PDB file of N, CA and C in Angstrom:
ATOM      1  N   MET A   1       0.961  -1.057  -0.357  1.00  0.00           N
ATOM      2  CA  MET A   1       0.225   0.079   0.167  1.00  0.00           C
ATOM      3  C   MET A   1       1.096   0.854   0.049  1.00  0.00           C
ATOM      4  N   LYS A   2       0.842   1.885  -0.909  1.00  0.00           N
ATOM      5  CA  LYS A   2       1.730   3.098  -1.102  1.00  0.00           C
ATOM      6  C   LYS A   2       1.065   4.055   0.032  1.00  0.00           C
ATOM      7  N   LYS A   3       2.295   5.196   0.669  1.00  0.00           N
ATOM      8  CA  LYS A   3       1.886   5.793   1.489  1.00  0.00           C
ATOM      9  C   LYS A   3       0.926   6.913   0.999  1.00  0.00           C
ATOM     10  N   GLN A   4       0.560   7.696  -0.037  1.00  0.00           N
ATOM     11  CA  GLN A   4      -0.755   8.257  -0.281  1.00  0.00           C
ATOM     12  C   GLN A   4      -1.841   7.704  -0.021  1.00  0.00           C
ATOM     13  N   PHE A   5      -1.983   6.394   0.452  1.00  0.00           N
ATOM     14  CA  PHE A   5      -3.296   5.690   0.737  1.00  0.00           C
ATOM     15  C   PHE A   5      -3.177   5.114   1.930  1.00  0.00           C
ATOM     16  N   ARG A   6      -2.318   5.314   3.076  1.00  0.00           N
ATOM     17  CA  ARG A   6      -2.628   5.377   4.543  1.00  0.00           C
ATOM     18  C   ARG A   6      -2.797   6.758   5.318  1.00  0.00           C
ATOM     19  N   ILE A   7      -3.699   6.424   6.276  1.00  0.00           N
ATOM     20  CA  ILE A   7      -4.161   7.449   7.222  1.00  0.00           C
ATOM     21  C   ILE A   7      -2.981   6.910   8.108  1.00  0.00           C
ATOM     22  N   LYS A   8      -2.221   7.792   9.138  1.00  0.00           N
ATOM     23  CA  LYS A   8      -1.133   7.705   9.801  1.00  0.00           C
ATOM     24  C   LYS A   8      -1.272   9.201  10.728  1.00  0.00           C
ATOM     25  N   ASP A   9      -2.139  10.041  10.841  1.00  0.00           N
ATOM     26  CA  ASP A   9      -2.103  10.868  11.439  1.00  0.00           C
ATOM     27  C   ASP A   9      -3.294  10.685  12.650  1.00  0.00           C
ATOM     28  N   THR A  10      -2.939  11.000  14.062  1.00  0.00           N
ATOM     29  CA  THR A  10      -3.987  10.808  15.005  1.00  0.00           C
ATOM     30  C   THR A  10      -4.747  11.698  15.161  1.00  0.00           C
ATOM     31  N   ARG A  11      -4.743  12.852  14.870  1.00  0.00           N
ATOM     32  CA  ARG A  11      -5.880  13.514  14.290  1.00  0.00           C
ATOM     33  C   ARG A  11      -7.301  12.819  13.512  1.00  0.00           C
ATOM     34  N   GLU A  12      -6.522  12.536  12.589  1.00  0.00           N
ATOM     35  CA  GLU A  12      -7.214  12.157  11.290  1.00  0.00           C
ATOM     36  C   GLU A  12      -7.780  10.693  11.732  1.00  0.00           C
ATOM     37  N   PHE A  13      -7.210   9.803  12.735  1.00  0.00           N
ATOM     38  CA  PHE A  13      -7.538   8.735  13.105  1.00  0.00           C
ATOM     39  C   PHE A  13      -8.974   8.987  13.860  1.00  0.00           C
ATOM     40  N   SER A  14      -8.840  10.000  14.950  1.00  0.00           N
ATOM     41  CA  SER A  14      -9.937  10.548  15.693  1.00  0.00           C
ATOM     42  C   SER A  14     -11.094  10.978  15.259  1.00  0.00           C
ATOM     43  N   GLN A  15     -10.912  12.173  14.370  1.00  0.00           N
ATOM     44  CA  GLN A  15     -11.719  12.455  13.445  1.00  0.00           C
ATOM     45  C   GLN A  15     -13.001  11.467  12.854  1.00  0.00           C
ATOM     46  N   ILE A  16     -12.439  10.494  12.106  1.00  0.00           N
ATOM     47  CA  ILE A  16     -13.092   9.380  11.380  1.00  0.00           C
ATOM     48  C   ILE A  16     -13.790   8.577  12.418  1.00  0.00           C
ATOM     49  N   MET A  17     -13.078   8.056  13.402  1.00  0.00           N
ATOM     50  CA  MET A  17     -14.072   7.422  14.184  1.00  0.00           C
ATOM     51  C   MET A  17     -14.644   8.217  15.501  1.00  0.00           C
ATOM     52  N   ASN A  18     -14.558   9.092  15.422  1.00  0.00           N
ATOM     53  CA  ASN A  18     -15.722  10.268  16.148  1.00  0.00           C
ATOM     54  C   ASN A  18     -16.681   9.997  15.420  1.00  0.00           C
ATOM     55  N   CYS A  19     -16.842  10.319  13.992  1.00  0.00           N
ATOM     56  CA  CYS A  19     -17.603  10.112  13.188  1.00  0.00           C
ATOM     57  C   CYS A  19     -19.127   9.192  13.524  1.00  0.00           C
ATOM     58  N   LYS A  20     -18.472   8.144  14.416  1.00  0.00           N
ATOM     59  CA  LYS A  20     -19.193   6.982  14.616  1.00  0.00           C
ATOM     60  C   LYS A  20     -20.200   6.107  13.402  1.00  0.00           C
ATOM     61  N   GLN A  21     -19.696   6.314  12.947  1.00  0.00           N
ATOM     62  CA  GLN A  21     -20.455   5.309  11.674  1.00  0.00           C
ATOM     63  C   GLN A  21     -19.007   3.708  11.306  1.00  0.00           C
ATOM     64  N   PHE A  22     -19.476   3.210  11.797  1.00  0.00           N
ATOM     65  CA  PHE A  22     -18.833   1.839  11.786  1.00  0.00           C
ATOM     66  C   PHE A  22     -19.364   0.639  11.419  1.00  0.00           C
ATOM     67  N   TYR A  23     -18.800  -1.104  11.236  1.00  0.00           N
ATOM     68  CA  TYR A  23     -19.446  -1.709  10.949  1.00  0.00           C
ATOM     69  C   TYR A  23     -18.653  -2.837  11.674  1.00  0.00           C
ATOM     70  N   VAL A  24     -19.427  -4.009  12.262  1.00  0.00           N
ATOM     71  CA  VAL A  24     -18.570  -5.015  13.343  1.00  0.00           C
ATOM     72  C   VAL A  24     -18.688  -6.503  12.607  1.00  0.00           C
ATOM     73  N   SER A  25     -17.863  -7.103  12.654  1.00  0.00           N
ATOM     74  CA  SER A  25     -17.689  -8.614  12.637  1.00  0.00           C
ATOM     75  C   SER A  25     -16.505  -9.210  13.966  1.00  0.00           C
ATOM     76  N   PRO A  26     -16.393 -10.302  14.120  1.00  0.00           N
ATOM     77  CA  PRO A  26     -15.784 -10.514  15.429  1.00  0.00           C
ATOM     78  C   PRO A  26     -14.415 -10.942  15.228  1.00  0.00           C
ATOM     79  N   SER A  27     -13.629 -10.523  13.974  1.00  0.00           N
ATOM     80  CA  SER A  27     -12.178 -10.320  14.206  1.00  0.00           C
ATOM     81  C   SER A  27     -11.650  -9.282  13.985  1.00  0.00           C
ATOM     82  N   MET A  28     -12.810  -7.949  13.318  1.00  0.00           N
ATOM     83  CA  MET A  28     -11.981  -6.193  13.118  1.00  0.00           C
ATOM     84  C   MET A  28     -13.228  -5.241  12.856  1.00  0.00           C
ATOM     85  N   VAL A  29     -13.048  -4.430  13.197  1.00  0.00           N
ATOM     86  CA  VAL A  29     -14.244  -3.480  12.817  1.00  0.00           C
ATOM     87  C   VAL A  29     -13.396  -2.272  12.264  1.00  0.00           C
ATOM     88  N   ILE A  30     -14.277  -2.340  11.179  1.00  0.00           N
ATOM     89  CA  ILE A  30     -14.255  -0.690  10.067  1.00  0.00           C
ATOM     90  C   ILE A  30     -14.739   0.521  10.662  1.00  0.00           C
ATOM     91  N   TYR A  31     -14.310   1.576  10.718  1.00  0.00           N
ATOM     92  CA  TYR A  31     -14.760   2.714  10.555  1.00  0.00           C
ATOM     93  C   TYR A  31     -14.640   3.382   9.475  1.00  0.00           C
ATOM     94  N   VAL A  32     -15.845   4.134   8.915  1.00  0.00           N
ATOM     95  CA  VAL A  32     -15.654   4.702   7.718  1.00  0.00           C
ATOM     96  C   VAL A  32     -16.172   6.547   8.165  1.00  0.00           C
ATOM     97  N   LYS A  33     -16.015   7.010   6.876  1.00  0.00           N
ATOM     98  CA  LYS A  33     -15.952   8.396   7.131  1.00  0.00           C
ATOM     99  C   LYS A  33     -15.787   8.872   5.100  1.00  0.00           C
ATOM    100  N   LYS A  34     -16.521   9.782   4.566  1.00  0.00           N
ATOM    101  CA  LYS A  34     -16.385  10.315   3.284  1.00  0.00           C
ATOM    102  C   LYS A  34     -15.261  10.978   3.212  1.00  0.00           C
ATOM    103  N   ARG A  35     -14.544  10.806   2.267  1.00  0.00           N
ATOM    104  CA  ARG A  35     -12.893  10.571   1.996  1.00  0.00           C
ATOM    105  C   ARG A  35     -12.910  12.557   1.683  1.00  0.00           C
ATOM    106  N   LYS A  36     -11.787  13.365   1.638  1.00  0.00           N
ATOM    107  CA  LYS A  36     -11.434  14.903   1.747  1.00  0.00           C
ATOM    108  C   LYS A  36     -10.506  14.809  -0.071  1.00  0.00           C
ATOM    109  N   GLU A  37      -9.737  13.470  -0.062  1.00  0.00           N
ATOM    110  CA  GLU A  37      -8.830  13.484  -0.965  1.00  0.00           C
ATOM    111  C   GLU A  37      -9.660  13.109  -2.147  1.00  0.00           C
ATOM    112  N   ASP A  38      -8.407  13.372  -3.438  1.00  0.00           N
ATOM    113  CA  ASP A  38      -8.843  12.586  -4.631  1.00  0.00           C
ATOM    114  C   ASP A  38      -9.212  10.910  -4.541  1.00  0.00           C
ATOM    115  N   TRP A  39      -8.459  10.318  -3.136  1.00  0.00           N
ATOM    116  CA  TRP A  39      -8.324   8.614  -3.241  1.00  0.00           C
ATOM    117  C   TRP A  39      -8.834   8.388  -2.007  1.00  0.00           C
ATOM    118  N   ALA A  40      -9.600   7.372  -2.377  1.00  0.00           N
ATOM    119  CA  ALA A  40      -9.816   6.433  -0.555  1.00  0.00           C
ATOM    120  C   ALA A  40      -8.366   6.117   0.118  1.00  0.00           C
ATOM    121  N   ARG A  41      -8.606   6.341   1.698  1.00  0.00           N
ATOM    122  CA  ARG A  41      -7.329   6.227   2.186  1.00  0.00           C
ATOM    123  C   ARG A  41      -7.758   4.993   3.303  1.00  0.00           C
ATOM    124  N   VAL A  42      -6.622   4.221   3.572  1.00  0.00           N
ATOM    125  CA  VAL A  42      -6.862   3.140   4.950  1.00  0.00           C
ATOM    126  C   VAL A  42      -5.979   3.345   6.335  1.00  0.00           C
ATOM    127  N   GLY A  43      -6.259   3.427   7.189  1.00  0.00           N
ATOM    128  CA  GLY A  43      -5.759   3.328   8.381  1.00  0.00           C
ATOM    129  C   GLY A  43      -5.967   1.866   9.069  1.00  0.00           C
ATOM    130  N   LEU A  44      -4.871   1.250   9.965  1.00  0.00           N
ATOM    131  CA  LEU A  44      -4.709   0.392  10.487  1.00  0.00           C
ATOM    132  C   LEU A  44      -4.521   0.011  11.976  1.00  0.00           C
ATOM    133  N   SER A  45      -4.941  -0.395  12.824  1.00  0.00           N
ATOM    134  CA  SER A  45      -4.703  -0.104  14.015  1.00  0.00           C
ATOM    135  C   SER A  45      -5.336  -1.820  14.918  1.00  0.00           C
ATOM    136  N   VAL A  46      -3.551  -2.236  15.364  1.00  0.00           N
ATOM    137  CA  VAL A  46      -3.372  -3.485  16.306  1.00  0.00           C
ATOM    138  C   VAL A  46      -3.299  -2.778  17.637  1.00  0.00           C
ATOM    139  N   GLY A  47      -4.007  -3.447  18.736  1.00  0.00           N
ATOM    140  CA  GLY A  47      -3.518  -3.292  20.028  1.00  0.00           C
ATOM    141  C   GLY A  47      -2.605  -3.914  20.894  1.00  0.00           C
ATOM    142  N   LYS A  48      -2.285  -3.695  21.715  1.00  0.00           N
ATOM    143  CA  LYS A  48      -1.109  -4.168  22.223  1.00  0.00           C
ATOM    144  C   LYS A  48      -1.393  -5.746  22.464  1.00  0.00           C
ATOM    145  N   ARG A  49      -2.879  -5.646  23.260  1.00  0.00           N
ATOM    146  CA  ARG A  49      -2.939  -6.867  23.064  1.00  0.00           C
ATOM    147  C   ARG A  49      -2.956  -8.291  22.226  1.00  0.00           C
ATOM    148  N   MET A  50      -3.032  -7.702  21.270  1.00  0.00           N
ATOM    149  CA  MET A  50      -2.720  -8.727  20.203  1.00  0.00           C
ATOM    150  C   MET A  50      -1.883  -9.667  20.225  1.00  0.00           C
ATOM    151  N   GLY A  51      -0.703  -9.042  21.057  1.00  0.00           N
ATOM    152  CA  GLY A  51       0.591  -9.785  20.953  1.00  0.00           C
ATOM    153  C   GLY A  51       2.163  -8.785  21.045  1.00  0.00           C
ATOM    154  N   ASN A  52       3.092  -9.843  21.267  1.00  0.00           N
ATOM    155  CA  ASN A  52       4.187  -8.259  20.841  1.00  0.00           C
ATOM    156  C   ASN A  52       4.482  -7.817  19.710  1.00  0.00           C
ATOM    157  N   ALA A  53       5.603  -7.270  19.581  1.00  0.00           N
ATOM    158  CA  ALA A  53       5.587  -6.455  17.813  1.00  0.00           C
ATOM    159  C   ALA A  53       5.976  -6.917  17.188  1.00  0.00           C
ATOM    160  N   VAL A  54       6.230  -8.135  16.647  1.00  0.00           N
ATOM    161  CA  VAL A  54       6.433  -8.943  15.707  1.00  0.00           C
ATOM    162  C   VAL A  54       5.293  -9.985  15.427  1.00  0.00           C
ATOM    163  N   VAL A  55       4.356 -10.007  16.119  1.00  0.00           N
ATOM    164  CA  VAL A  55       2.968 -10.724  16.180  1.00  0.00           C
ATOM    165  C   VAL A  55       1.888  -9.415  15.615  1.00  0.00           C
ATOM    166  N   ARG A  56       2.151  -7.929  15.786  1.00  0.00           N
ATOM    167  CA  ARG A  56       1.581  -6.780  15.232  1.00  0.00           C
ATOM    168  C   ARG A  56       1.843  -6.541  14.439  1.00  0.00           C
ATOM    169  N   ASN A  57       3.088  -6.818  13.616  1.00  0.00           N
ATOM    170  CA  ASN A  57       3.692  -6.324  12.563  1.00  0.00           C
ATOM    171  C   ASN A  57       2.761  -7.289  11.589  1.00  0.00           C
ATOM    172  N   LYS A  58       2.946  -8.639  11.604  1.00  0.00           N
ATOM    173  CA  LYS A  58       2.966  -9.699  11.365  1.00  0.00           C
ATOM    174  C   LYS A  58       1.400  -9.250  10.736  1.00  0.00           C
ATOM    175  N   ILE A  59       0.205  -9.139  11.680  1.00  0.00           N
ATOM    176  CA  ILE A  59      -0.873  -8.807  11.515  1.00  0.00           C
ATOM    177  C   ILE A  59      -1.107  -7.986  10.107  1.00  0.00           C
ATOM    178  N   LYS A  60      -0.571  -6.670  10.677  1.00  0.00           N
ATOM    179  CA  LYS A  60      -0.327  -5.538   9.542  1.00  0.00           C
ATOM    180  C   LYS A  60      -0.519  -5.915   8.454  1.00  0.00           C
ATOM    181  N   ARG A  61       0.979  -6.538   8.416  1.00  0.00           N
ATOM    182  CA  ARG A  61       1.263  -6.766   6.994  1.00  0.00           C
ATOM    183  C   ARG A  61       0.259  -8.024   6.176  1.00  0.00           C
ATOM    184  N   GLN A  62      -0.394  -8.644   7.019  1.00  0.00           N
ATOM    185  CA  GLN A  62      -1.519  -9.575   6.421  1.00  0.00           C
ATOM    186  C   GLN A  62      -2.768  -8.353   5.588  1.00  0.00           C
ATOM    187  N   ILE A  63      -3.035  -7.480   6.825  1.00  0.00           N
ATOM    188  CA  ILE A  63      -4.061  -6.983   6.759  1.00  0.00           C
ATOM    189  C   ILE A  63      -3.648  -5.916   5.445  1.00  0.00           C
ATOM    190  N   ARG A  64      -2.755  -5.290   5.290  1.00  0.00           N
ATOM    191  CA  ARG A  64      -2.081  -4.751   3.981  1.00  0.00           C
ATOM    192  C   ARG A  64      -2.283  -5.277   2.557  1.00  0.00           C
ATOM    193  N   GLU A  65      -1.409  -6.753   2.667  1.00  0.00           N
ATOM    194  CA  GLU A  65      -2.057  -7.593   1.676  1.00  0.00           C
ATOM    195  C   GLU A  65      -3.797  -7.560   0.970  1.00  0.00           C
ATOM    196  N   MET A  66      -4.030  -7.823   2.199  1.00  0.00           N
ATOM    197  CA  MET A  66      -5.852  -7.743   2.027  1.00  0.00           C
ATOM    198  C   MET A  66      -5.835  -6.705   1.615  1.00  0.00           C
ATOM    199  N   VAL A  67      -6.104  -5.940   1.824  1.00  0.00           N
ATOM    200  CA  VAL A  67      -6.470  -4.300   1.603  1.00  0.00           C
ATOM    201  C   VAL A  67      -6.246  -4.192   0.169  1.00  0.00           C
ATOM    202  N   HIS A  68      -4.718  -4.462   0.021  1.00  0.00           N
ATOM    203  CA  HIS A  68      -3.899  -4.238  -1.470  1.00  0.00           C
ATOM    204  C   HIS A  68      -5.226  -4.983  -2.781  1.00  0.00           C
ATOM    205  N   GLU A  69      -5.501  -6.377  -2.166  1.00  0.00           N
ATOM    206  CA  GLU A  69      -6.363  -7.124  -3.181  1.00  0.00           C
ATOM    207  C   GLU A  69      -7.413  -6.605  -3.230  1.00  0.00           C
ATOM    208  N   LEU A  70      -8.385  -6.052  -2.069  1.00  0.00           N
ATOM    209  CA  LEU A  70      -9.708  -6.132  -2.398  1.00  0.00           C
ATOM    210  C   LEU A  70      -9.917  -4.428  -2.510  1.00  0.00           C
ATOM    211  N   TYR A  71      -9.323  -3.241  -2.443  1.00  0.00           N
ATOM    212  CA  TYR A  71      -9.584  -2.400  -2.618  1.00  0.00           C
ATOM    213  C   TYR A  71      -9.099  -1.639  -3.775  1.00  0.00           C
ATOM    214  N   THR A  72      -9.594  -0.506  -4.847  1.00  0.00           N
ATOM    215  CA  THR A  72      -8.959   0.390  -5.825  1.00  0.00           C
ATOM    216  C   THR A  72      -8.920   1.155  -6.092  1.00  0.00           C
ATOM    217  N   PHE A  73      -8.987   1.754  -4.241  1.00  0.00           N
ATOM    218  CA  PHE A  73      -9.175   3.475  -3.958  1.00  0.00           C
ATOM    219  C   PHE A  73      -9.734   4.174  -4.597  1.00  0.00           C
ATOM    220  N   ASP A  74     -10.498   3.967  -5.424  1.00  0.00           N
ATOM    221  CA  ASP A  74     -11.783   5.036  -6.001  1.00  0.00           C
ATOM    222  C   ASP A  74     -12.714   4.873  -5.311  1.00  0.00           C
ATOM    223  N   GLU A  75     -12.839   4.316  -3.781  1.00  0.00           N
ATOM    224  CA  GLU A  75     -13.912   3.866  -3.108  1.00  0.00           C
ATOM    225  C   GLU A  75     -14.270   5.884  -2.692  1.00  0.00           C
ATOM    226  N   GLU A  76     -15.945   5.773  -1.836  1.00  0.00           N
ATOM    227  CA  GLU A  76     -15.754   6.568  -1.423  1.00  0.00           C
ATOM    228  C   GLU A  76     -15.330   7.563  -0.348  1.00  0.00           C
ATOM    229  N   PHE A  77     -15.188   6.368   0.847  1.00  0.00           N
ATOM    230  CA  PHE A  77     -14.881   6.576   2.082  1.00  0.00           C
ATOM    231  C   PHE A  77     -13.114   6.431   1.981  1.00  0.00           C
ATOM    232  N   ASP A  78     -12.805   7.241   3.275  1.00  0.00           N
ATOM    233  CA  ASP A  78     -11.609   6.650   4.433  1.00  0.00           C
ATOM    234  C   ASP A  78     -12.066   5.734   5.354  1.00  0.00           C
ATOM    235  N   THR A  79     -10.778   4.975   5.512  1.00  0.00           N
ATOM    236  CA  THR A  79     -11.273   3.666   6.407  1.00  0.00           C
ATOM    237  C   THR A  79     -10.675   3.601   7.710  1.00  0.00           C
ATOM    238  N   ILE A  80     -10.694   3.096   8.588  1.00  0.00           N
ATOM    239  CA  ILE A  80     -10.301   2.806   9.610  1.00  0.00           C
ATOM    240  C   ILE A  80     -10.424   1.416  10.236  1.00  0.00           C
ATOM    241  N   ILE A  81      -9.067   0.393  10.039  1.00  0.00           N
ATOM    242  CA  ILE A  81      -9.755  -1.023  10.085  1.00  0.00           C
ATOM    243  C   ILE A  81      -8.925  -1.462  11.846  1.00  0.00           C
ATOM    244  N   LEU A  82      -9.778  -1.689  12.666  1.00  0.00           N
ATOM    245  CA  LEU A  82      -9.268  -2.182  14.094  1.00  0.00           C
ATOM    246  C   LEU A  82      -9.496  -3.450  14.074  1.00  0.00           C
ATOM    247  N   VAL A  83      -7.986  -4.118  14.300  1.00  0.00           N
ATOM    248  CA  VAL A  83      -8.529  -5.669  14.631  1.00  0.00           C
ATOM    249  C   VAL A  83      -8.512  -6.070  15.956  1.00  0.00           C
ATOM    250  N   ARG A  84      -9.247  -6.835  16.132  1.00  0.00           N
ATOM    251  CA  ARG A  84      -9.976  -7.406  17.898  1.00  0.00           C
ATOM    252  C   ARG A  84      -9.088  -8.784  17.858  1.00  0.00           C
ATOM    253  N   GLU A  85      -9.300  -9.467  18.557  1.00  0.00           N
ATOM    254  CA  GLU A  85      -8.309 -10.506  19.576  1.00  0.00           C
ATOM    255  C   GLU A  85      -8.719 -11.563  18.648  1.00  0.00           C
ATOM    256  N   GLN A  86      -9.670 -11.812  17.935  1.00  0.00           N
ATOM    257  CA  GLN A  86     -10.543 -13.045  17.319  1.00  0.00           C
ATOM    258  C   GLN A  86      -9.666 -12.724  16.241  1.00  0.00           C
ATOM    259  N   TYR A  87      -9.182 -12.277  15.565  1.00  0.00           N
ATOM    260  CA  TYR A  87      -8.541 -12.412  14.589  1.00  0.00           C
ATOM    261  C   TYR A  87      -7.007 -13.119  14.777  1.00  0.00           C
ATOM    262  N   CYS A  88      -6.843 -13.354  15.734  1.00  0.00           N
ATOM    263  CA  CYS A  88      -5.180 -14.365  16.186  1.00  0.00           C
ATOM    264  C   CYS A  88      -6.135 -15.984  15.552  1.00  0.00           C
ATOM    265  N   THR A  89      -7.176 -16.179  15.820  1.00  0.00           N
ATOM    266  CA  THR A  89      -7.959 -17.306  16.415  1.00  0.00           C
ATOM    267  C   THR A  89      -8.222 -17.718  15.152  1.00  0.00           C
ATOM    268  N   GLU A  90      -8.272 -17.051  14.277  1.00  0.00           N
ATOM    269  CA  GLU A  90      -8.910 -17.528  12.487  1.00  0.00           C
ATOM    270  C   GLU A  90      -7.880 -17.680  11.666  1.00  0.00           C
ATOM    271  N   ASN A  91      -8.054 -18.235  10.251  1.00  0.00           N
ATOM    272  CA  ASN A  91      -6.757 -18.234   9.667  1.00  0.00           C
ATOM    273  C   ASN A  91      -6.761 -17.010   8.497  1.00  0.00           C
ATOM    274  N   TYR A  92      -5.583 -16.771   7.385  1.00  0.00           N
ATOM    275  CA  TYR A  92      -5.973 -15.819   7.026  1.00  0.00           C
ATOM    276  C   TYR A  92      -7.060 -16.068   5.856  1.00  0.00           C
ATOM    277  N   ILE A  93      -7.616 -16.829   5.102  1.00  0.00           N
ATOM    278  CA  ILE A  93      -8.696 -17.251   4.406  1.00  0.00           C
ATOM    279  C   ILE A  93      -9.823 -16.467   4.639  1.00  0.00           C
ATOM    280  N   ASN A  94     -10.398 -16.750   5.944  1.00  0.00           N
ATOM    281  CA  ASN A  94     -11.528 -16.651   6.543  1.00  0.00           C
ATOM    282  C   ASN A  94     -11.385 -15.087   7.455  1.00  0.00           C
ATOM    283  N   ASN A  95     -10.317 -14.827   7.575  1.00  0.00           N
ATOM    284  CA  ASN A  95     -10.276 -13.302   7.668  1.00  0.00           C
ATOM    285  C   ASN A  95     -10.215 -12.309   6.551  1.00  0.00           C
ATOM    286  N   LYS A  96     -10.034 -12.613   5.759  1.00  0.00           N
ATOM    287  CA  LYS A  96     -10.071 -12.007   4.361  1.00  0.00           C
ATOM    288  C   LYS A  96     -11.402 -11.685   3.450  1.00  0.00           C
ATOM    289  N   LYS A  97     -11.856 -12.995   4.195  1.00  0.00           N
ATOM    290  CA  LYS A  97     -13.594 -12.990   3.258  1.00  0.00           C
ATOM    291  C   LYS A  97     -14.218 -12.259   4.708  1.00  0.00           C
ATOM    292  N   CYS A  98     -14.143 -12.052   6.086  1.00  0.00           N
ATOM    293  CA  CYS A  98     -14.502 -11.551   6.625  1.00  0.00           C
ATOM    294  C   CYS A  98     -14.501 -10.145   7.095  1.00  0.00           C
ATOM    295  N   LEU A  99     -13.077  -9.613   5.789  1.00  0.00           N
ATOM    296  CA  LEU A  99     -12.857  -7.768   5.750  1.00  0.00           C
ATOM    297  C   LEU A  99     -13.562  -7.757   4.169  1.00  0.00           C
ATOM    298  N   GLU A 100     -14.079  -8.472   3.509  1.00  0.00           N
ATOM    299  CA  GLU A 100     -14.711  -8.643   2.375  1.00  0.00           C
ATOM    300  C   GLU A 100     -16.231  -8.490   2.739  1.00  0.00           C
ATOM    301  N   ARG A 101     -16.530  -8.767   3.575  1.00  0.00           N
ATOM    302  CA  ARG A 101     -18.167  -8.713   3.904  1.00  0.00           C
ATOM    303  C   ARG A 101     -18.373  -7.755   4.595  1.00  0.00           C
ATOM    304  N   LEU A 102     -17.577  -7.215   5.349  1.00  0.00           N
ATOM    305  CA  LEU A 102     -17.513  -5.895   5.615  1.00  0.00           C
ATOM    306  C   LEU A 102     -17.297  -4.945   4.961  1.00  0.00           C
ATOM    307  N   LEU A 103     -16.748  -4.641   3.892  1.00  0.00           N
ATOM    308  CA  LEU A 103     -16.301  -3.861   2.815  1.00  0.00           C
ATOM    309  C   LEU A 103     -17.505  -3.987   1.958  1.00  0.00           C
ATOM    310  N   LYS A 104     -18.187  -4.899   1.699  1.00  0.00           N
ATOM    311  CA  LYS A 104     -19.398  -4.997   1.381  1.00  0.00           C
ATOM    312  C   LYS A 104     -20.830  -4.288   1.779  1.00  0.00           C
ATOM    313  N   LYS A 105     -20.742  -4.567   3.135  1.00  0.00           N
ATOM    314  CA  LYS A 105     -21.570  -3.794   4.032  1.00  0.00           C
ATOM    315  C   LYS A 105     -21.845  -2.352   3.595  1.00  0.00           C
ATOM    316  N   VAL A 106     -20.279  -1.797   3.626  1.00  0.00           N
ATOM    317  CA  VAL A 106     -20.053  -0.571   3.016  1.00  0.00           C
ATOM    318  C   VAL A 106     -19.926  -0.146   2.029  1.00  0.00           C
ATOM    319  N   LYS A 107     -20.393  -0.906   1.217  1.00  0.00           N
ATOM    320  CA  LYS A 107     -20.732  -1.031  -0.404  1.00  0.00           C
ATOM    321  C   LYS A 107     -19.475  -0.466  -1.047  1.00  0.00           C
ATOM    322  N   ILE A 108     -18.238  -0.751  -0.347  1.00  0.00           N
ATOM    323  CA  ILE A 108     -16.968  -0.602  -1.010  1.00  0.00           C
ATOM    324  C   ILE A 108     -16.915  -1.101  -2.306  1.00  0.00           C
ATOM    325  N   VAL A 109     -16.903  -2.699  -1.709  1.00  0.00           N
ATOM    326  CA  VAL A 109     -16.481  -3.880  -2.771  1.00  0.00           C
ATOM    327  C   VAL A 109     -17.697  -4.112  -3.548  1.00  0.00           C
ATOM    328  N   LYS A 110     -17.959  -4.563  -4.825  1.00  0.00           N
ATOM    329  CA  LYS A 110     -19.241  -4.843  -5.218  1.00  0.00           C
ATOM    330  C   LYS A 110     -19.093  -6.252  -5.802  1.00  0.00           C
TER     331      LYS A 110
END
C-alpha cells in the first residue's frame, strides 16, 4: 500500500472514529467517513493485547495485503480497520472473507 493511501495521523484517526459510522465483525471493526482527498485512504490499528511487536507487525502485513487485493482506492470513504483478538484464532482466508463481507456492507467492494 503506497504512503498516499495510508492514514497515519492521530488527528485523522480520531476524526474518522468520532463520526461513529462503523461496521463490526468478530475479528475486526471498520470505521468509515467520506473522503476529502482524490483517493480513498486506509488506516490500521492493532492493539498491544494482540501480542508482541513481531505478532502485531505480521497482522498489519497481512491486512495490508488484504487491502491491496480488495481495494481499488476509488472508493468514496476513508477507512480505519481495528483488529480484534479473535483475528489470531482464525486463518488468513477466513479473515480475508470477513473483511470482504464488511466492505460489502459499506458498499465499497461490489
